[in-house]
């Protein structure tokens, strides 16, 4: 199954990566998932991680993705309030 992991707005990738790093408490976006895994106690390593359970993978992706969505909604609400 091909992954379509592209931002809707061209040029938004850098800002989204930075948001991901901030959410995970990392200084580098590429380390964000490893920081989240460490906090959740999930043994994530570079390379193959097919031995992780769905629950373990969800703890990593859910924490980052869910908090990113929450923060993006907060930013959109702030932006809408400023327009009025």
PDB file of N, CA and C in Angstrom:
ATOM      1  N   UNK A   1       0.846  -1.176   0.000  1.00  0.00           N
ATOM      2  CA  UNK A   1       0.000   0.000   0.000  1.00  0.00           C
ATOM      3  C   UNK A   1       0.893   1.241   0.000  1.00  0.00           C
ATOM      4  N   UNK A   2       0.700   2.087  -0.958  1.00  0.00           N
ATOM      5  CA  UNK A   2       1.507   3.305  -1.059  1.00  0.00           C
ATOM      6  C   UNK A   2       1.047   4.319  -0.024  1.00  0.00           C
ATOM      7  N   UNK A   3       1.999   5.038   0.545  1.00  0.00           N
ATOM      8  CA  UNK A   3       1.681   6.068   1.537  1.00  0.00           C
ATOM      9  C   UNK A   3       1.651   7.426   0.857  1.00  0.00           C
ATOM     10  N   UNK A   4       0.605   8.154   1.091  1.00  0.00           N
ATOM     11  CA  UNK A   4       0.472   9.498   0.553  1.00  0.00           C
ATOM     12  C   UNK A   4       0.663  10.473   1.712  1.00  0.00           C
ATOM     13  N   UNK A   5       1.906  10.675   2.093  1.00  0.00           N
ATOM     14  CA  UNK A   5       2.234  11.469   3.260  1.00  0.00           C
ATOM     15  C   UNK A   5       2.749  12.837   2.828  1.00  0.00           C
ATOM     16  N   UNK A   6       1.901  13.549   2.087  1.00  0.00           N
ATOM     17  CA  UNK A   6       2.277  14.880   1.591  1.00  0.00           C
ATOM     18  C   UNK A   6       1.398  15.933   2.233  1.00  0.00           C
ATOM     19  N   UNK A   7       1.982  17.057   2.621  1.00  0.00           N
ATOM     20  CA  UNK A   7       1.138  18.140   3.130  1.00  0.00           C
ATOM     21  C   UNK A   7       0.252  18.691   2.023  1.00  0.00           C
ATOM     22  N   UNK A   8      -0.922  19.128   2.391  1.00  0.00           N
ATOM     23  CA  UNK A   8      -1.855  19.697   1.426  1.00  0.00           C
ATOM     24  C   UNK A   8      -1.322  21.013   0.856  1.00  0.00           C
ATOM     25  N   UNK A   9      -0.658  21.782   1.706  1.00  0.00           N
ATOM     26  CA  UNK A   9      -0.107  23.069   1.287  1.00  0.00           C
ATOM     27  C   UNK A   9       1.362  22.874   0.928  1.00  0.00           C
ATOM     28  N   UNK A  10       1.738  23.141  -0.330  1.00  0.00           N
ATOM     29  CA  UNK A  10       3.148  23.008  -0.705  1.00  0.00           C
ATOM     30  C   UNK A  10       4.012  23.946   0.141  1.00  0.00           C
ATOM     31  N   UNK A  11       5.123  23.447   0.598  1.00  0.00           N
ATOM     32  CA  UNK A  11       6.027  24.261   1.403  1.00  0.00           C
ATOM     33  C   UNK A  11       5.747  24.192   2.892  1.00  0.00           C
ATOM     34  N   UNK A  12       4.735  23.431   3.314  1.00  0.00           N
ATOM     35  CA  UNK A  12       4.395  23.348   4.736  1.00  0.00           C
ATOM     36  C   UNK A  12       5.186  22.267   5.464  1.00  0.00           C
ATOM     37  N   UNK A  13       5.898  21.432   4.745  1.00  0.00           N
ATOM     38  CA  UNK A  13       6.607  20.301   5.342  1.00  0.00           C
ATOM     39  C   UNK A  13       7.546  20.735   6.471  1.00  0.00           C
ATOM     40  N   UNK A  14       8.318  21.786   6.250  1.00  0.00           N
ATOM     41  CA  UNK A  14       9.293  22.214   7.257  1.00  0.00           C
ATOM     42  C   UNK A  14       8.594  22.614   8.554  1.00  0.00           C
ATOM     43  N   UNK A  15       7.513  23.378   8.451  1.00  0.00           N
ATOM     44  CA  UNK A  15       6.774  23.812   9.637  1.00  0.00           C
ATOM     45  C   UNK A  15       6.123  22.623  10.342  1.00  0.00           C
ATOM     46  N   UNK A  16       5.595  21.667   9.576  1.00  0.00           N
ATOM     47  CA  UNK A  16       4.990  20.479  10.176  1.00  0.00           C
ATOM     48  C   UNK A  16       6.032  19.619  10.881  1.00  0.00           C
ATOM     49  N   UNK A  17       7.201  19.495  10.278  1.00  0.00           N
ATOM     50  CA  UNK A  17       8.279  18.742  10.915  1.00  0.00           C
ATOM     51  C   UNK A  17       8.714  19.405  12.218  1.00  0.00           C
ATOM     52  N   UNK A  18       8.776  20.730  12.222  1.00  0.00           N
ATOM     53  CA  UNK A  18       9.156  21.444  13.433  1.00  0.00           C
ATOM     54  C   UNK A  18       8.090  21.279  14.516  1.00  0.00           C
ATOM     55  N   UNK A  19       6.827  21.319  14.125  1.00  0.00           N
ATOM     56  CA  UNK A  19       5.742  21.099  15.069  1.00  0.00           C
ATOM     57  C   UNK A  19       5.842  19.702  15.670  1.00  0.00           C
ATOM     58  N   UNK A  20       6.126  18.714  14.834  1.00  0.00           N
ATOM     59  CA  UNK A  20       6.283  17.338  15.301  1.00  0.00           C
ATOM     60  C   UNK A  20       7.390  17.250  16.342  1.00  0.00           C
ATOM     61  N   UNK A  21       8.518  17.900  16.077  1.00  0.00           N
ATOM     62  CA  UNK A  21       9.633  17.887  17.018  1.00  0.00           C
ATOM     63  C   UNK A  21       9.231  18.557  18.333  1.00  0.00           C
ATOM     64  N   UNK A  22       8.534  19.686  18.254  1.00  0.00           N
ATOM     65  CA  UNK A  22       8.108  20.384  19.466  1.00  0.00           C
ATOM     66  C   UNK A  22       7.149  19.532  20.291  1.00  0.00           C
ATOM     67  N   UNK A  23       6.215  18.879  19.625  1.00  0.00           N
ATOM     68  CA  UNK A  23       5.240  18.022  20.313  1.00  0.00           C
ATOM     69  C   UNK A  23       5.944  16.883  21.030  1.00  0.00           C
ATOM     70  N   UNK A  24       6.946  16.300  20.391  1.00  0.00           N
ATOM     71  CA  UNK A  24       7.645  15.150  20.965  1.00  0.00           C
ATOM     72  C   UNK A  24       8.727  15.556  21.956  1.00  0.00           C
ATOM     73  N   UNK A  25       9.006  16.841  22.050  1.00  0.00           N
ATOM     74  CA  UNK A  25      10.051  17.292  22.969  1.00  0.00           C
ATOM     75  C   UNK A  25      11.445  17.008  22.455  1.00  0.00           C
ATOM     76  N   UNK A  26      11.608  17.089  21.148  1.00  0.00           N
ATOM     77  CA  UNK A  26      12.879  16.812  20.497  1.00  0.00           C
ATOM     78  C   UNK A  26      13.354  18.055  19.769  1.00  0.00           C
ATOM     79  N   UNK A  27      14.652  18.152  19.591  1.00  0.00           N
ATOM     80  CA  UNK A  27      15.178  19.303  18.849  1.00  0.00           C
ATOM     81  C   UNK A  27      15.218  19.020  17.344  1.00  0.00           C
ATOM     82  N   UNK A  28      15.189  17.751  16.975  1.00  0.00           N
ATOM     83  CA  UNK A  28      15.242  17.376  15.554  1.00  0.00           C
ATOM     84  C   UNK A  28      13.998  16.563  15.187  1.00  0.00           C
ATOM     85  N   UNK A  29      13.322  16.949  14.103  1.00  0.00           N
ATOM     86  CA  UNK A  29      12.100  16.230  13.713  1.00  0.00           C
ATOM     87  C   UNK A  29      12.310  14.738  13.481  1.00  0.00           C
ATOM     88  N   UNK A  30      13.465  14.359  12.938  1.00  0.00           N
ATOM     89  CA  UNK A  30      13.696  12.939  12.647  1.00  0.00           C
ATOM     90  C   UNK A  30      13.872  12.102  13.923  1.00  0.00           C
ATOM     91  N   UNK A  31      14.093  12.761  15.064  1.00  0.00           N
ATOM     92  CA  UNK A  31      14.222  12.041  16.330  1.00  0.00           C
ATOM     93  C   UNK A  31      12.924  12.022  17.122  1.00  0.00           C
ATOM     94  N   UNK A  32      11.889  12.689  16.620  1.00  0.00           N
ATOM     95  CA  UNK A  32      10.631  12.848  17.359  1.00  0.00           C
ATOM     96  C   UNK A  32      10.020  11.506  17.742  1.00  0.00           C
ATOM     97  N   UNK A  33       9.936  10.583  16.804  1.00  0.00           N
ATOM     98  CA  UNK A  33       9.283   9.313  17.127  1.00  0.00           C
ATOM     99  C   UNK A  33      10.095   8.500  18.129  1.00  0.00           C
ATOM    100  N   UNK A  34      11.410   8.662  18.119  1.00  0.00           N
ATOM    101  CA  UNK A  34      12.236   7.936  19.078  1.00  0.00           C
ATOM    102  C   UNK A  34      12.075   8.511  20.484  1.00  0.00           C
ATOM    103  N   UNK A  35      11.911   9.833  20.577  1.00  0.00           N
ATOM    104  CA  UNK A  35      11.655  10.478  21.871  1.00  0.00           C
ATOM    105  C   UNK A  35      10.303  10.024  22.421  1.00  0.00           C
ATOM    106  N   UNK A  36       9.288  10.001  21.565  1.00  0.00           N
ATOM    107  CA  UNK A  36       7.954   9.574  21.988  1.00  0.00           C
ATOM    108  C   UNK A  36       7.975   8.108  22.405  1.00  0.00           C
ATOM    109  N   UNK A  37       8.696   7.279  21.674  1.00  0.00           N
ATOM    110  CA  UNK A  37       8.797   5.855  22.011  1.00  0.00           C
ATOM    111  C   UNK A  37       9.481   5.669  23.361  1.00  0.00           C
ATOM    112  N   UNK A  38      10.525   6.429  23.589  1.00  0.00           N
ATOM    113  CA  UNK A  38      11.264   6.333  24.854  1.00  0.00           C
ATOM    114  C   UNK A  38      10.353   6.695  26.025  1.00  0.00           C
ATOM    115  N   UNK A  39       9.578   7.790  25.870  1.00  0.00           N
ATOM    116  CA  UNK A  39       8.652   8.211  26.923  1.00  0.00           C
ATOM    117  C   UNK A  39       7.572   7.168  27.177  1.00  0.00           C
ATOM    118  N   UNK A  40       7.128   6.485  26.127  1.00  0.00           N
ATOM    119  CA  UNK A  40       6.062   5.488  26.249  1.00  0.00           C
ATOM    120  C   UNK A  40       6.590   4.116  26.650  1.00  0.00           C
ATOM    121  N   UNK A  41       7.907   3.963  26.703  1.00  0.00           N
ATOM    122  CA  UNK A  41       8.491   2.674  27.056  1.00  0.00           C
ATOM    123  C   UNK A  41       8.420   1.656  25.934  1.00  0.00           C
ATOM    124  N   UNK A  42       8.400   2.136  24.697  1.00  0.00           N
ATOM    125  CA  UNK A  42       8.315   1.257  23.529  1.00  0.00           C
ATOM    126  C   UNK A  42       9.713   1.086  22.940  1.00  0.00           C
ATOM    127  N   UNK A  43      10.139  -0.160  22.703  1.00  0.00           N
ATOM    128  CA  UNK A  43      11.488  -0.415  22.192  1.00  0.00           C
ATOM    129  C   UNK A  43      11.629  -0.161  20.689  1.00  0.00           C
ATOM    130  N   UNK A  44      11.499   1.079  20.280  1.00  0.00           N
ATOM    131  CA  UNK A  44      11.622   1.443  18.871  1.00  0.00           C
ATOM    132  C   UNK A  44      13.093   1.586  18.522  1.00  0.00           C
ATOM    133  N   UNK A  45      13.464   1.049  17.379  1.00  0.00           N
ATOM    134  CA  UNK A  45      14.860   1.159  16.929  1.00  0.00           C
ATOM    135  C   UNK A  45      14.877   1.593  15.475  1.00  0.00           C
ATOM    136  N   UNK A  46      16.021   2.065  15.019  1.00  0.00           N
ATOM    137  CA  UNK A  46      16.143   2.429  13.607  1.00  0.00           C
ATOM    138  C   UNK A  46      16.115   1.158  12.779  1.00  0.00           C
ATOM    139  N   UNK A  47      15.465   1.240  11.639  1.00  0.00           N
ATOM    140  CA  UNK A  47      15.358   0.070  10.778  1.00  0.00           C
ATOM    141  C   UNK A  47      14.036  -0.644  10.985  1.00  0.00           C
ATOM    142  N   UNK A  48      14.066  -1.956  10.941  1.00  0.00           N
ATOM    143  CA  UNK A  48      12.865  -2.783  10.987  1.00  0.00           C
ATOM    144  C   UNK A  48      12.263  -2.813  12.390  1.00  0.00           C
ATOM    145  N   UNK A  49      10.965  -2.549  12.486  1.00  0.00           N
ATOM    146  CA  UNK A  49      10.257  -2.596  13.756  1.00  0.00           C
ATOM    147  C   UNK A  49       8.984  -3.421  13.659  1.00  0.00           C
ATOM    148  N   UNK A  50       8.997  -4.419  12.779  1.00  0.00           N
ATOM    149  CA  UNK A  50       7.825  -5.258  12.569  1.00  0.00           C
ATOM    150  C   UNK A  50       7.453  -6.112  13.759  1.00  0.00           C
ATOM    151  N   UNK A  51       8.332  -6.183  14.743  1.00  0.00           N
ATOM    152  CA  UNK A  51       8.037  -6.973  15.928  1.00  0.00           C
ATOM    153  C   UNK A  51       7.244  -6.197  16.978  1.00  0.00           C
ATOM    154  N   UNK A  52       6.974  -4.911  16.722  1.00  0.00           N
ATOM    155  CA  UNK A  52       6.169  -4.119  17.650  1.00  0.00           C
ATOM    156  C   UNK A  52       4.701  -4.520  17.505  1.00  0.00           C
ATOM    157  N   UNK A  53       4.000  -4.471  18.625  1.00  0.00           N
ATOM    158  CA  UNK A  53       2.565  -4.747  18.569  1.00  0.00           C
ATOM    159  C   UNK A  53       1.842  -3.493  18.071  1.00  0.00           C
ATOM    160  N   UNK A  54       0.595  -3.661  17.675  1.00  0.00           N
ATOM    161  CA  UNK A  54      -0.209  -2.517  17.239  1.00  0.00           C
ATOM    162  C   UNK A  54      -0.368  -1.525  18.379  1.00  0.00           C
ATOM    163  N   UNK A  55      -0.507  -2.024  19.575  1.00  0.00           N
ATOM    164  CA  UNK A  55      -0.645  -1.151  20.739  1.00  0.00           C
ATOM    165  C   UNK A  55       0.611  -0.297  20.932  1.00  0.00           C
ATOM    166  N   UNK A  56       1.782  -0.915  20.808  1.00  0.00           N
ATOM    167  CA  UNK A  56       3.031  -0.167  20.958  1.00  0.00           C
ATOM    168  C   UNK A  56       3.168   0.890  19.873  1.00  0.00           C
ATOM    169  N   UNK A  57       2.880   0.523  18.630  1.00  0.00           N
ATOM    170  CA  UNK A  57       2.983   1.480  17.527  1.00  0.00           C
ATOM    171  C   UNK A  57       1.988   2.625  17.715  1.00  0.00           C
ATOM    172  N   UNK A  58       0.805   2.311  18.205  1.00  0.00           N
ATOM    173  CA  UNK A  58      -0.203   3.330  18.444  1.00  0.00           C
ATOM    174  C   UNK A  58       0.189   4.311  19.526  1.00  0.00           C
ATOM    175  N   UNK A  59       0.930   3.833  20.518  1.00  0.00           N
ATOM    176  CA  UNK A  59       1.397   4.721  21.583  1.00  0.00           C
ATOM    177  C   UNK A  59       2.333   5.784  21.029  1.00  0.00           C
ATOM    178  N   UNK A  60       3.098   5.437  20.017  1.00  0.00           N
ATOM    179  CA  UNK A  60       4.043   6.394  19.420  1.00  0.00           C
ATOM    180  C   UNK A  60       3.294   7.335  18.480  1.00  0.00           C
ATOM    181  N   UNK A  61       2.659   6.778  17.479  1.00  0.00           N
ATOM    182  CA  UNK A  61       1.972   7.586  16.471  1.00  0.00           C
ATOM    183  C   UNK A  61       0.803   8.372  17.031  1.00  0.00           C
ATOM    184  N   UNK A  62       0.085   7.781  17.966  1.00  0.00           N
ATOM    185  CA  UNK A  62      -1.064   8.456  18.557  1.00  0.00           C
ATOM    186  C   UNK A  62      -0.669   9.673  19.355  1.00  0.00           C
ATOM    187  N   UNK A  63       0.415   9.557  20.104  1.00  0.00           N
ATOM    188  CA  UNK A  63       0.873  10.679  20.921  1.00  0.00           C
ATOM    189  C   UNK A  63       1.295  11.844  20.034  1.00  0.00           C
ATOM    190  N   UNK A  64       2.085  11.558  19.036  1.00  0.00           N
ATOM    191  CA  UNK A  64       2.582  12.618  18.157  1.00  0.00           C
ATOM    192  C   UNK A  64       1.455  13.177  17.286  1.00  0.00           C
ATOM    193  N   UNK A  65       0.794  12.302  16.549  1.00  0.00           N
ATOM    194  CA  UNK A  65      -0.244  12.742  15.613  1.00  0.00           C
ATOM    195  C   UNK A  65      -1.425  13.413  16.299  1.00  0.00           C
ATOM    196  N   UNK A  66      -1.890  12.815  17.389  1.00  0.00           N
ATOM    197  CA  UNK A  66      -3.020  13.389  18.108  1.00  0.00           C
ATOM    198  C   UNK A  66      -2.719  14.772  18.657  1.00  0.00           C
ATOM    199  N   UNK A  67      -1.536  14.929  19.225  1.00  0.00           N
ATOM    200  CA  UNK A  67      -1.155  16.229  19.773  1.00  0.00           C
ATOM    201  C   UNK A  67      -0.874  17.251  18.681  1.00  0.00           C
ATOM    202  N   UNK A  68      -0.392  16.793  17.536  1.00  0.00           N
ATOM    203  CA  UNK A  68      -0.196  17.714  16.412  1.00  0.00           C
ATOM    204  C   UNK A  68      -1.542  18.253  15.931  1.00  0.00           C
ATOM    205  N   UNK A  69      -2.514  17.361  15.798  1.00  0.00           N
ATOM    206  CA  UNK A  69      -3.845  17.781  15.348  1.00  0.00           C
ATOM    207  C   UNK A  69      -4.452  18.748  16.359  1.00  0.00           C
ATOM    208  N   UNK A  70      -4.323  18.425  17.634  1.00  0.00           N
ATOM    209  CA  UNK A  70      -4.854  19.297  18.680  1.00  0.00           C
ATOM    210  C   UNK A  70      -4.243  20.691  18.592  1.00  0.00           C
ATOM    211  N   UNK A  71      -2.930  20.765  18.420  1.00  0.00           N
ATOM    212  CA  UNK A  71      -2.246  22.056  18.345  1.00  0.00           C
ATOM    213  C   UNK A  71      -2.632  22.813  17.075  1.00  0.00           C
ATOM    214  N   UNK A  72      -2.769  22.112  15.951  1.00  0.00           N
ATOM    215  CA  UNK A  72      -3.174  22.771  14.707  1.00  0.00           C
ATOM    216  C   UNK A  72      -4.587  23.345  14.819  1.00  0.00           C
ATOM    217  N   UNK A  73      -5.470  22.653  15.522  1.00  0.00           N
ATOM    218  CA  UNK A  73      -6.818  23.169  15.734  1.00  0.00           C
ATOM    219  C   UNK A  73      -6.768  24.415  16.611  1.00  0.00           C
ATOM    220  N   UNK A  74      -5.945  24.384  17.650  1.00  0.00           N
ATOM    221  CA  UNK A  74      -5.799  25.565  18.510  1.00  0.00           C
ATOM    222  C   UNK A  74      -5.304  26.763  17.703  1.00  0.00           C
ATOM    223  N   UNK A  75      -4.318  26.537  16.842  1.00  0.00           N
ATOM    224  CA  UNK A  75      -3.789  27.621  16.018  1.00  0.00           C
ATOM    225  C   UNK A  75      -4.847  28.164  15.063  1.00  0.00           C
ATOM    226  N   UNK A  76      -5.638  27.268  14.471  1.00  0.00           N
ATOM    227  CA  UNK A  76      -6.697  27.703  13.552  1.00  0.00           C
ATOM    228  C   UNK A  76      -7.756  28.517  14.298  1.00  0.00           C
ATOM    229  N   UNK A  77      -8.116  28.086  15.491  1.00  0.00           N
ATOM    230  CA  UNK A  77      -9.101  28.825  16.284  1.00  0.00           C
ATOM    231  C   UNK A  77      -8.584  30.213  16.643  1.00  0.00           C
ATOM    232  N   UNK A  78      -7.300  30.292  17.030  1.00  0.00           N
ATOM    233  CA  UNK A  78      -6.691  31.588  17.339  1.00  0.00           C
ATOM    234  C   UNK A  78      -6.715  32.499  16.115  1.00  0.00           C
ATOM    235  N   UNK A  79      -6.403  31.923  14.968  1.00  0.00           N
ATOM    236  CA  UNK A  79      -6.384  32.688  13.716  1.00  0.00           C
ATOM    237  C   UNK A  79      -7.783  33.206  13.370  1.00  0.00           C
ATOM    238  N   UNK A  80      -8.790  32.365  13.556  1.00  0.00           N
ATOM    239  CA  UNK A  80     -10.164  32.768  13.272  1.00  0.00           C
ATOM    240  C   UNK A  80     -10.628  33.862  14.242  1.00  0.00           C
ATOM    241  N   UNK A  81     -10.216  33.763  15.481  1.00  0.00           N
ATOM    242  CA  UNK A  81     -10.610  34.774  16.469  1.00  0.00           C
ATOM    243  C   UNK A  81      -9.984  36.129  16.152  1.00  0.00           C
ATOM    244  N   UNK A  82      -8.777  36.121  15.644  1.00  0.00           N
ATOM    245  CA  UNK A  82      -8.078  37.369  15.301  1.00  0.00           C
ATOM    246  C   UNK A  82      -8.716  38.046  14.082  1.00  0.00           C
ATOM    247  N   UNK A  83      -9.355  37.277  13.217  1.00  0.00           N
ATOM    248  CA  UNK A  83      -9.957  37.828  11.987  1.00  0.00           C
ATOM    249  C   UNK A  83     -11.226  38.625  12.279  1.00  0.00           C
ATOM    250  N   UNK A  84     -11.887  38.334  13.365  1.00  0.00           N
ATOM    251  CA  UNK A  84     -13.181  38.965  13.662  1.00  0.00           C
ATOM    252  C   UNK A  84     -13.043  40.416  14.015  1.00  0.00           C
TER     253      UNK A  84
END
